[in-house]
Amino acid sequence: MNKRVIFCWIWTIPIIIDIFFIIFSSSFPIIVGRILACFLVLSCVFVPWSLIAISPLFCHPKTELPRKVSPLTYINDTIQCKQITKSIYEVALYNRNLKIDMTSWIFKKTYIRDIILMYYHLDYYNRNKLKSKKNISKRYFKGQNKYIEFHMLNGKIIRIPMIKKGIEKRSFLCSLKLFVLSSPLDKRVRYQKDQYYSNDITIFYF
């Protein structure tokens, strides 16, 4: 089953329990009623926020991303990205332009920055066959400065760092994806010592 479908079904459980409590609360013992009442309050407060925080882990651009791009893309210190429509952006790469449809995404520029940065990051990781835990590091590119420059429809130019003084400037959610996914996907080998496992962009933005 699709992971996003599973995710949606999991988050219906608190809602079902809340409805069950409201309908049958008079039939419960006092202690059970109080526990469910507390759960009702907590779910009303935390579920919406957790959905906002976790849902980007299950989002992906409405574009089929290439598995990798040429490292020559990053020869220049600044990568150019042009806003075509409200939700579609075009990133100028070394030998091609990559159109990314970010419809329904909230922080569009941040996610595009993360995607382009991850191409660079994962290329280095895979070429050097680093141990999987090393994939979490932000310090592969000592002394480098890389930026992505967004040319917006309204004429504004927004310059966002990807790497600054050798440190990757990725979002918290991007780092969280690296932490969660930089391990063998086959759980039967989870007890083996840390070793190299190939990763590409499609793992992080499926």
Protein backbone atom coordinates (compact mmCIF):
# COMPACT_ATOMS: atom_id res chain seq x y z
CA MET A 1 0.00 0.00 0.00
CA ASN A 2 1.16 3.54 -0.75
CA LYS A 3 2.99 5.07 2.25
CA ARG A 4 0.93 8.26 2.12
CA VAL A 5 -2.28 6.20 2.25
CA ILE A 6 -1.02 4.31 5.31
CA PHE A 7 -0.06 7.62 6.92
CA CYS A 8 -3.54 9.06 6.36
CA TRP A 9 -5.23 5.99 7.83
CA ILE A 10 -3.01 6.09 10.93
CA TRP A 11 -4.04 9.68 11.59
CA THR A 12 -7.73 8.79 11.47
CA ILE A 13 -7.35 6.70 14.65
CA PRO A 14 -7.41 9.68 17.11
CA ILE A 15 -10.46 11.07 15.32
CA ILE A 16 -12.31 7.75 15.56
CA ILE A 17 -11.48 7.44 19.26
CA ASP A 18 -12.67 11.00 19.89
CA ILE A 19 -15.99 10.33 18.15
CA PHE A 20 -16.37 7.09 20.11
CA PHE A 21 -15.76 8.97 23.38
CA ILE A 22 -18.27 11.70 22.60
CA ILE A 23 -21.02 9.19 21.76
CA PHE A 24 -20.43 6.68 24.56
CA SER A 25 -18.79 8.77 27.30
CA SER A 26 -21.69 8.20 29.75
CA SER A 27 -21.13 4.42 29.57
CA PHE A 28 -17.47 4.54 30.61
CA PRO A 29 -16.12 4.20 34.19
CA ILE A 30 -14.98 7.57 35.54
CA ILE A 31 -11.24 6.79 35.22
CA VAL A 32 -11.59 5.59 31.62
CA GLY A 33 -13.68 8.64 30.78
CA ARG A 34 -11.03 10.96 32.24
CA ILE A 35 -8.24 9.23 30.30
CA LEU A 36 -10.16 9.49 27.06
CA ALA A 37 -11.09 13.09 27.79
CA CYS A 38 -7.39 13.93 28.25
CA PHE A 39 -6.62 12.09 25.03
CA LEU A 40 -9.34 14.08 23.28
CA VAL A 41 -7.84 17.40 24.42
CA LEU A 42 -4.27 16.36 23.52
CA SER A 43 -5.27 15.06 20.10
CA CYS A 44 -7.14 18.28 19.31
CA VAL A 45 -4.01 20.27 20.19
CA PHE A 46 -1.20 18.12 18.81
CA VAL A 47 -2.62 16.21 15.85
CA PRO A 48 -3.01 19.26 13.56
CA TRP A 49 0.49 20.47 14.34
CA SER A 50 2.02 17.03 13.94
CA LEU A 51 0.30 16.66 10.57
CA ILE A 52 1.85 19.93 9.42
CA ALA A 53 5.27 18.86 10.71
CA ILE A 54 5.27 15.26 9.47
CA SER A 55 3.39 15.50 6.17
CA PRO A 56 6.40 16.96 4.26
CA LEU A 57 8.16 13.65 4.93
CA PHE A 58 5.54 12.06 2.69
CA CYS A 59 5.39 14.81 0.09
CA HIS A 60 7.12 14.82 -3.24
CA PRO A 61 7.27 17.27 -6.11
CA LYS A 62 4.70 16.65 -8.83
CA THR A 63 7.61 16.06 -11.16
CA GLU A 64 9.61 12.92 -11.86
CA LEU A 65 13.07 13.82 -10.60
CA PRO A 66 16.19 12.38 -12.27
CA ARG A 67 18.08 9.96 -10.05
CA LYS A 68 21.20 12.11 -10.23
CA VAL A 69 22.62 15.15 -11.98
CA SER A 70 26.13 15.93 -13.16
CA PRO A 71 28.42 17.34 -10.44
CA LEU A 72 29.50 19.85 -13.09
CA THR A 73 26.18 21.56 -12.31
CA TYR A 74 27.86 22.99 -9.23
CA ILE A 75 30.96 24.52 -10.82
CA ASN A 76 29.54 28.01 -10.27
CA ASP A 77 28.93 29.35 -6.78
CA THR A 78 25.31 30.21 -7.63
CA ILE A 79 22.61 28.08 -9.26
CA GLN A 80 19.86 29.97 -11.07
CA CYS A 81 16.19 29.10 -10.50
CA LYS A 82 13.41 30.89 -12.33
CA GLN A 83 9.77 30.99 -11.21
CA ILE A 84 7.66 30.07 -14.26
CA THR A 85 4.23 30.12 -12.62
CA LYS A 86 3.06 30.39 -9.03
CA SER A 87 4.06 26.77 -8.34
CA ILE A 88 6.44 25.77 -11.13
CA TYR A 89 10.13 26.58 -10.99
CA GLU A 90 12.89 25.93 -13.51
CA VAL A 91 16.40 25.20 -12.24
CA ALA A 92 19.24 25.77 -14.70
CA LEU A 93 21.57 22.77 -14.46
CA TYR A 94 24.78 22.05 -16.34
CA ASN A 95 23.30 20.42 -19.44
CA ARG A 96 19.56 20.64 -18.86
CA ASN A 97 16.84 22.69 -17.21
CA LEU A 98 14.90 20.89 -14.51
CA LYS A 99 11.28 21.99 -14.07
CA ILE A 100 9.92 21.26 -10.60
CA ASP A 101 6.19 21.48 -9.90
CA MET A 102 5.73 22.45 -6.22
CA THR A 103 1.93 22.70 -6.25
CA SER A 104 0.47 22.45 -2.70
CA TRP A 105 3.88 22.72 -1.04
CA ILE A 106 4.16 25.44 1.60
CA PHE A 107 7.86 26.41 1.66
CA LYS A 108 8.56 25.99 -2.05
CA LYS A 109 11.95 27.72 -2.23
CA THR A 110 13.24 25.90 0.84
CA TYR A 111 12.28 22.51 -0.58
CA ILE A 112 13.83 23.28 -3.97
CA ARG A 113 17.02 24.37 -2.21
CA ASP A 114 17.03 21.07 -0.27
CA ILE A 115 16.46 18.98 -3.42
CA ILE A 116 19.28 20.63 -5.37
CA LEU A 117 21.58 20.44 -2.35
CA MET A 118 20.79 16.74 -1.89
CA TYR A 119 21.93 15.99 -5.45
CA TYR A 120 25.32 17.47 -4.56
CA HIS A 121 25.40 15.82 -1.14
CA LEU A 122 24.41 12.33 -2.34
CA ASP A 123 26.80 12.47 -5.30
CA TYR A 124 29.71 12.97 -2.89
CA TYR A 125 28.40 10.31 -0.51
CA ASN A 126 27.93 7.70 -3.25
CA ARG A 127 31.18 8.41 -5.10
CA ASN A 128 33.18 8.00 -1.90
CA LYS A 129 31.07 5.06 -0.66
CA LEU A 130 30.87 6.47 2.85
CA LYS A 131 29.33 4.57 5.72
CA SER A 132 25.62 5.23 5.98
CA LYS A 133 25.86 7.25 9.21
CA LYS A 134 28.30 9.61 7.48
CA ASN A 135 25.44 10.58 5.18
CA ILE A 136 24.06 12.73 8.01
CA SER A 137 27.11 15.00 8.04
CA LYS A 138 26.78 18.63 6.96
CA ARG A 139 30.54 19.12 6.51
CA TYR A 140 31.55 17.36 3.30
CA PHE A 141 32.54 20.52 1.41
CA LYS A 142 35.18 22.32 3.45
CA GLY A 143 35.55 26.01 2.63
CA GLN A 144 32.86 25.97 -0.08
CA ASN A 145 30.05 28.49 -0.54
CA LYS A 146 27.11 27.60 -2.79
CA TYR A 147 23.88 29.53 -3.31
CA ILE A 148 20.64 29.12 -5.19
CA GLU A 149 19.18 32.30 -6.65
CA PHE A 150 15.43 32.53 -7.24
CA HIS A 151 14.16 34.93 -9.91
CA MET A 152 10.53 35.49 -8.95
CA LEU A 153 7.60 36.49 -11.15
CA ASN A 154 7.34 39.84 -9.35
CA GLY A 155 10.91 40.71 -10.31
CA LYS A 156 12.46 40.00 -6.93
CA ILE A 157 15.69 38.04 -6.70
CA ILE A 158 16.04 35.89 -3.58
CA ARG A 159 19.44 34.34 -2.83
CA ILE A 160 19.46 31.40 -0.42
CA PRO A 161 22.62 29.63 0.81
CA MET A 162 22.99 25.90 0.17
CA ILE A 163 26.51 25.64 1.59
CA LYS A 164 28.08 28.40 3.65
CA LYS A 165 31.66 28.22 4.93
CA GLY A 166 31.67 24.51 4.25
CA ILE A 167 28.44 23.76 6.17
CA GLU A 168 25.28 22.61 4.40
CA LYS A 169 22.32 24.91 5.09
CA ARG A 170 19.56 22.35 4.69
CA SER A 171 16.23 22.44 6.49
CA PHE A 172 15.44 20.48 9.64
CA LEU A 173 13.08 18.21 7.69
CA CYS A 174 15.80 17.47 5.15
CA SER A 175 18.20 16.52 7.95
CA LEU A 176 15.47 14.38 9.51
CA LYS A 177 15.00 12.51 6.23
CA LEU A 178 18.72 11.85 6.05
CA PHE A 179 18.73 10.58 9.61
CA VAL A 180 15.75 8.26 9.07
CA LEU A 181 16.65 6.97 5.62
CA SER A 182 20.45 6.71 5.83
CA SER A 183 20.30 3.07 6.83
CA PRO A 184 19.65 -0.20 5.07
CA LEU A 185 16.11 -0.35 3.80
CA ASP A 186 16.23 -4.12 4.23
CA LYS A 187 15.57 -4.43 7.97
CA ARG A 188 16.99 -7.96 8.03
CA VAL A 189 20.50 -6.44 8.01
CA ARG A 190 19.88 -3.77 10.62
CA TYR A 191 22.15 -5.50 13.14
CA GLN A 192 25.18 -5.43 10.87
CA LYS A 193 27.88 -2.86 11.43
CA ASP A 194 27.43 0.47 9.75
CA GLN A 195 28.42 0.25 6.09
CA TYR A 196 27.83 1.92 2.74
CA TYR A 197 24.30 1.79 1.32
CA SER A 198 23.60 3.50 -1.98
CA ASN A 199 21.12 6.40 -1.80
CA ASP A 200 19.70 8.65 -4.48
CA ILE A 201 17.28 11.56 -4.60
CA THR A 202 14.23 9.38 -5.32
CA ILE A 203 14.56 7.77 -1.88
CA PHE A 204 14.14 11.14 -0.19
CA TYR A 205 11.48 12.57 -2.52
CA PHE A 206 9.43 9.57 -3.65
